[in-house]
């Protein structure tokens, strides 16, 4: 695959391609499970794209 064939991630609102990357966590309603996510925040309009990483019932940190 050449560099020109690699897709570029674009913001669905403003079509920007510059993002700030953060790591987030979402706990379940009762706190028994935790879902780690990678968040990409558009630097132009601040829209947040979230990508699911993994979860564990024993992840309490």
Protein backbone atom coordinates (compact mmCIF):
# COMPACT_ATOMS: atom_id res chain seq x y z
CA UNK A 1 0.00 0.00 0.00
CA UNK A 2 1.44 3.37 -0.97
CA UNK A 3 1.13 6.58 0.98
CA UNK A 4 -1.48 7.89 -1.45
CA UNK A 5 -3.72 4.85 -0.77
CA UNK A 6 -3.81 5.30 3.02
CA UNK A 7 -7.20 6.78 4.00
CA UNK A 8 -7.22 10.02 5.99
CA UNK A 9 -9.54 10.33 8.96
CA UNK A 10 -11.86 13.31 8.52
CA UNK A 11 -14.24 15.00 10.93
CA UNK A 12 -17.85 14.26 9.92
CA UNK A 13 -18.90 17.86 10.71
CA UNK A 14 -16.21 20.14 9.29
CA UNK A 15 -14.11 17.67 7.24
CA UNK A 16 -11.00 18.66 9.23
CA UNK A 17 -8.13 16.18 9.50
CA UNK A 18 -6.21 17.55 12.51
CA UNK A 19 -7.10 15.85 15.81
CA UNK A 20 -6.04 15.93 19.45
CA UNK A 21 -5.79 12.41 20.90
CA UNK A 22 -6.93 11.63 24.45
CA UNK A 23 -7.69 8.48 26.41
CA UNK A 24 -11.02 8.21 28.18
CA UNK A 25 -12.92 5.74 30.31
CA UNK A 26 -16.62 5.10 30.65
CA UNK A 27 -17.85 3.14 33.67
CA UNK A 28 -21.03 1.11 33.62
CA UNK A 29 -24.09 2.23 35.51
CA UNK A 30 -23.19 0.26 38.64
CA UNK A 31 -19.41 0.59 38.24
CA UNK A 32 -18.79 -3.11 37.60
CA UNK A 33 -17.27 -2.72 34.15
CA UNK A 34 -15.07 -0.09 32.63
CA UNK A 35 -14.71 0.70 28.95
CA UNK A 36 -11.50 2.36 27.78
CA UNK A 37 -11.75 4.51 24.70
CA UNK A 38 -9.47 6.53 22.49
CA UNK A 39 -10.92 9.98 21.86
CA UNK A 40 -9.97 12.06 18.84
CA UNK A 41 -11.03 15.68 19.21
CA UNK A 42 -11.22 17.76 16.05
CA UNK A 43 -9.01 20.83 16.48
CA UNK A 44 -11.24 22.86 14.19
CA UNK A 45 -14.77 22.31 15.58
CA UNK A 46 -14.06 20.25 18.77
CA UNK A 47 -16.28 17.34 17.66
CA UNK A 48 -15.28 14.14 19.51
CA UNK A 49 -14.80 10.83 17.73
CA UNK A 50 -14.63 7.94 20.17
CA UNK A 51 -13.11 4.54 19.45
CA UNK A 52 -13.70 1.55 21.72
CA UNK A 53 -10.54 -0.10 23.04
CA UNK A 54 -11.39 -2.88 25.50
CA UNK A 55 -13.17 -3.58 28.76
CA UNK A 56 -12.74 -5.72 31.82
CA UNK A 57 -14.98 -6.53 34.76
CA UNK A 58 -11.91 -6.26 37.04
CA UNK A 59 -10.73 -2.86 35.78
CA UNK A 60 -11.25 -0.53 38.74
CA UNK A 61 -8.40 2.00 38.22
